[in-house]
C-alpha atoms as a PDB file:
ATOM      1  CA  UNK A   1       7.995 -20.151   2.708  1.00  0.00           C
ATOM      2  CA  UNK A   2       6.196 -17.620   0.382  1.00  0.00           C
ATOM      3  CA  UNK A   3       2.850 -15.996  -0.065  1.00  0.00           C
ATOM      4  CA  UNK A   4       1.076 -13.422  -2.750  1.00  0.00           C
ATOM      5  CA  UNK A   5      -2.102 -11.985  -1.918  1.00  0.00           C
ATOM      6  CA  UNK A   6      -3.665  -8.976  -3.253  1.00  0.00           C
ATOM      7  CA  UNK A   7      -6.299  -6.093  -1.687  1.00  0.00           C
ATOM      8  CA  UNK A   8      -8.349  -5.070  -4.604  1.00  0.00           C
ATOM      9  CA  UNK A   9     -10.321  -2.180  -3.789  1.00  0.00           C
ATOM     10  CA  UNK A  10     -14.235  -2.989  -4.266  1.00  0.00           C
ATOM     11  CA  UNK A  11     -15.169   0.866  -4.165  1.00  0.00           C
ATOM     12  CA  UNK A  12     -17.277   2.276  -7.449  1.00  0.00           C
ATOM     13  CA  UNK A  13     -15.318   5.363  -7.838  1.00  0.00           C
ATOM     14  CA  UNK A  14     -17.841   6.238 -10.732  1.00  0.00           C
ATOM     15  CA  UNK A  15     -20.492   6.060  -8.356  1.00  0.00           C
ATOM     16  CA  UNK A  16     -18.390   7.900  -5.761  1.00  0.00           C
ATOM     17  CA  UNK A  17     -17.976  10.863  -7.579  1.00  0.00           C
ATOM     18  CA  UNK A  18     -21.562  11.012  -8.818  1.00  0.00           C
ATOM     19  CA  UNK A  19     -23.154  10.996  -5.306  1.00  0.00           C
ATOM     20  CA  UNK A  20     -20.429  12.587  -3.375  1.00  0.00           C
ATOM     21  CA  UNK A  21     -20.552   9.875  -0.766  1.00  0.00           C
ATOM     22  CA  UNK A  22     -17.986   9.330   2.092  1.00  0.00           C
ATOM     23  CA  UNK A  23     -15.741   6.295   1.648  1.00  0.00           C
ATOM     24  CA  UNK A  24     -13.827   4.089   4.429  1.00  0.00           C
ATOM     25  CA  UNK A  25     -11.068   3.354   2.145  1.00  0.00           C
ATOM     26  CA  UNK A  26      -7.804   4.395   2.167  1.00  0.00           C
ATOM     27  CA  UNK A  27      -7.394   4.477  -1.409  1.00  0.00           C
ATOM     28  CA  UNK A  28      -8.750   3.173  -4.612  1.00  0.00           C
ATOM     29  CA  UNK A  29      -5.577   1.712  -5.543  1.00  0.00           C
ATOM     30  CA  UNK A  30      -4.951  -2.326  -6.243  1.00  0.00           C
ATOM     31  CA  UNK A  31      -2.335  -3.426  -4.081  1.00  0.00           C
ATOM     32  CA  UNK A  32       0.029  -6.667  -4.819  1.00  0.00           C
ATOM     33  CA  UNK A  33       1.903  -8.468  -1.811  1.00  0.00           C
ATOM     34  CA  UNK A  34       5.002 -10.764  -2.372  1.00  0.00           C
ATOM     35  CA  UNK A  35       6.092 -12.015   0.829  1.00  0.00           C
ATOM     36  CA  UNK A  36       8.683 -14.867   1.936  1.00  0.00           C
ATOM     37  CA  UNK A  37      10.693 -15.717   4.414  1.00  0.00           C
ATOM     38  CA  UNK A  38      12.744 -18.636   6.544  1.00  0.00           C
ATOM     39  CA  UNK A  39      12.922 -19.812  10.161  1.00  0.00           C
ATOM     40  CA  UNK A  40      15.865 -21.099  11.395  1.00  0.00           C
ATOM     41  CA  UNK A  41      15.973 -23.555  14.670  1.00  0.00           C
ATOM     42  CA  UNK A  42      18.467 -23.649  17.067  1.00  0.00           C
ATOM     43  CA  UNK A  43      19.047 -26.788  19.585  1.00  0.00           C
ATOM     44  CA  UNK A  44      15.382 -27.176  20.060  1.00  0.00           C
ATOM     45  CA  UNK A  45      14.842 -24.167  22.104  1.00  0.00           C
ATOM     46  CA  UNK A  46      15.314 -21.402  19.898  1.00  0.00           C
ATOM     47  CA  UNK A  47      13.503 -20.166  16.517  1.00  0.00           C
ATOM     48  CA  UNK A  48      14.410 -17.054  14.624  1.00  0.00           C
ATOM     49  CA  UNK A  49      11.948 -16.096  11.720  1.00  0.00           C
ATOM     50  CA  UNK A  50      12.858 -13.009   9.096  1.00  0.00           C
ATOM     51  CA  UNK A  51      10.521 -12.298   6.387  1.00  0.00           C
ATOM     52  CA  UNK A  52      10.255  -9.693   3.674  1.00  0.00           C
ATOM     53  CA  UNK A  53       7.464  -8.197   1.864  1.00  0.00           C
ATOM     54  CA  UNK A  54       7.329  -6.112  -1.307  1.00  0.00           C
ATOM     55  CA  UNK A  55       4.179  -4.215  -2.290  1.00  0.00           C
ATOM     56  CA  UNK A  56       3.574  -2.777  -5.475  1.00  0.00           C
ATOM     57  CA  UNK A  57       0.398  -0.754  -6.356  1.00  0.00           C
ATOM     58  CA  UNK A  58      -0.175   1.983  -9.491  1.00  0.00           C
ATOM     59  CA  UNK A  59      -2.718   4.391 -10.351  1.00  0.00           C
ATOM     60  CA  UNK A  60      -2.526   5.309 -13.911  1.00  0.00           C
ATOM     61  CA  UNK A  61      -5.314   7.628 -14.322  1.00  0.00           C
ATOM     62  CA  UNK A  62      -5.624   9.829 -11.084  1.00  0.00           C
ATOM     63  CA  UNK A  63      -6.477  13.441 -11.643  1.00  0.00           C
ATOM     64  CA  UNK A  64      -4.614  16.094  -9.422  1.00  0.00           C
ATOM     65  CA  UNK A  65      -6.822  17.936  -7.405  1.00  0.00           C
ATOM     66  CA  UNK A  66      -4.069  20.677  -6.439  1.00  0.00           C
ATOM     67  CA  UNK A  67      -1.955  22.347  -8.858  1.00  0.00           C
ATOM     68  CA  UNK A  68       0.687  24.708  -7.980  1.00  0.00           C
ATOM     69  CA  UNK A  69       2.569  24.785 -11.372  1.00  0.00           C
ATOM     70  CA  UNK A  70       0.822  27.462 -12.785  1.00  0.00           C
ATOM     71  CA  UNK A  71      -0.832  29.747 -10.195  1.00  0.00           C
ATOM     72  CA  UNK A  72      -3.350  32.615 -11.450  1.00  0.00           C
ATOM     73  CA  UNK A  73      -4.764  35.294  -9.087  1.00  0.00           C
ATOM     74  CA  UNK A  74      -8.238  34.283 -10.739  1.00  0.00           C
ATOM     75  CA  UNK A  75      -7.736  30.600  -8.994  1.00  0.00           C
ATOM     76  CA  UNK A  76      -6.652  31.680  -5.839  1.00  0.00           C
ATOM     77  CA  UNK A  77      -3.033  31.223  -6.710  1.00  0.00           C
ATOM     78  CA  UNK A  78      -3.789  27.428  -7.741  1.00  0.00           C
ATOM     79  CA  UNK A  79      -3.118  25.951 -11.245  1.00  0.00           C
ATOM     80  CA  UNK A  80      -5.764  24.348 -13.765  1.00  0.00           C
ATOM     81  CA  UNK A  81      -7.815  21.623 -12.329  1.00  0.00           C
ATOM     82  CA  UNK A  82      -8.160  18.114 -13.472  1.00  0.00           C
ATOM     83  CA  UNK A  83      -4.659  17.186 -14.889  1.00  0.00           C
ATOM     84  CA  UNK A  84      -4.289  13.413 -15.183  1.00  0.00           C
ATOM     85  CA  UNK A  85      -1.430  12.072 -13.164  1.00  0.00           C
ATOM     86  CA  UNK A  86       0.415   8.339 -12.883  1.00  0.00           C
ATOM     87  CA  UNK A  87       1.078   7.332  -9.181  1.00  0.00           C
ATOM     88  CA  UNK A  88       3.140   4.545  -8.103  1.00  0.00           C
ATOM     89  CA  UNK A  89       3.309   2.650  -4.657  1.00  0.00           C
ATOM     90  CA  UNK A  90       6.214   0.740  -3.379  1.00  0.00           C
ATOM     91  CA  UNK A  91       6.506  -0.920   0.090  1.00  0.00           C
ATOM     92  CA  UNK A  92       9.399  -3.146   1.296  1.00  0.00           C
ATOM     93  CA  UNK A  93       8.609  -4.511   5.048  1.00  0.00           C
ATOM     94  CA  UNK A  94      11.055  -6.896   6.744  1.00  0.00           C
ATOM     95  CA  UNK A  95       9.819  -8.761   9.883  1.00  0.00           C
ATOM     96  CA  UNK A  96      12.186 -10.553  12.116  1.00  0.00           C
ATOM     97  CA  UNK A  97      10.645 -12.756  15.129  1.00  0.00           C
ATOM     98  CA  UNK A  98      12.102 -15.007  17.575  1.00  0.00           C
ATOM     99  CA  UNK A  99      10.494 -17.886  19.954  1.00  0.00           C
ATOM    100  CA  UNK A 100      12.005 -19.287  22.892  1.00  0.00           C
ATOM    101  CA  UNK A 101      10.851 -22.296  24.356  1.00  0.00           C
ATOM    102  CA  UNK A 102      10.961 -22.598  28.458  1.00  0.00           C
ATOM    103  CA  UNK A 103       9.845 -25.870  29.051  1.00  0.00           C
ATOM    104  CA  UNK A 104      11.871 -28.729  28.583  1.00  0.00           C
ATOM    105  CA  UNK A 105      10.387 -32.030  27.569  1.00  0.00           C
END
């Protein structure tokens, strides 16, 4: 079995920055999930399931909020603000499940 899903973010970041509103979202990234797995059944009593999920996300236009590369006394030992950054997100999940049927037919 296999599946593909996304969890696109609905947040309009331009609106958030203009009005300085609070957002309950964890991030403004769009993540892509690819999941696949298999189930093995032994003697009609025991089932073992193993699944793998790979998650990928990328934000090519984020702004660095804290910069320590070129500190200055005038800026409280911070560097210049607003430098562009690129961030990548990778995640690998492994799930294992066991099912045992106690009642016989």
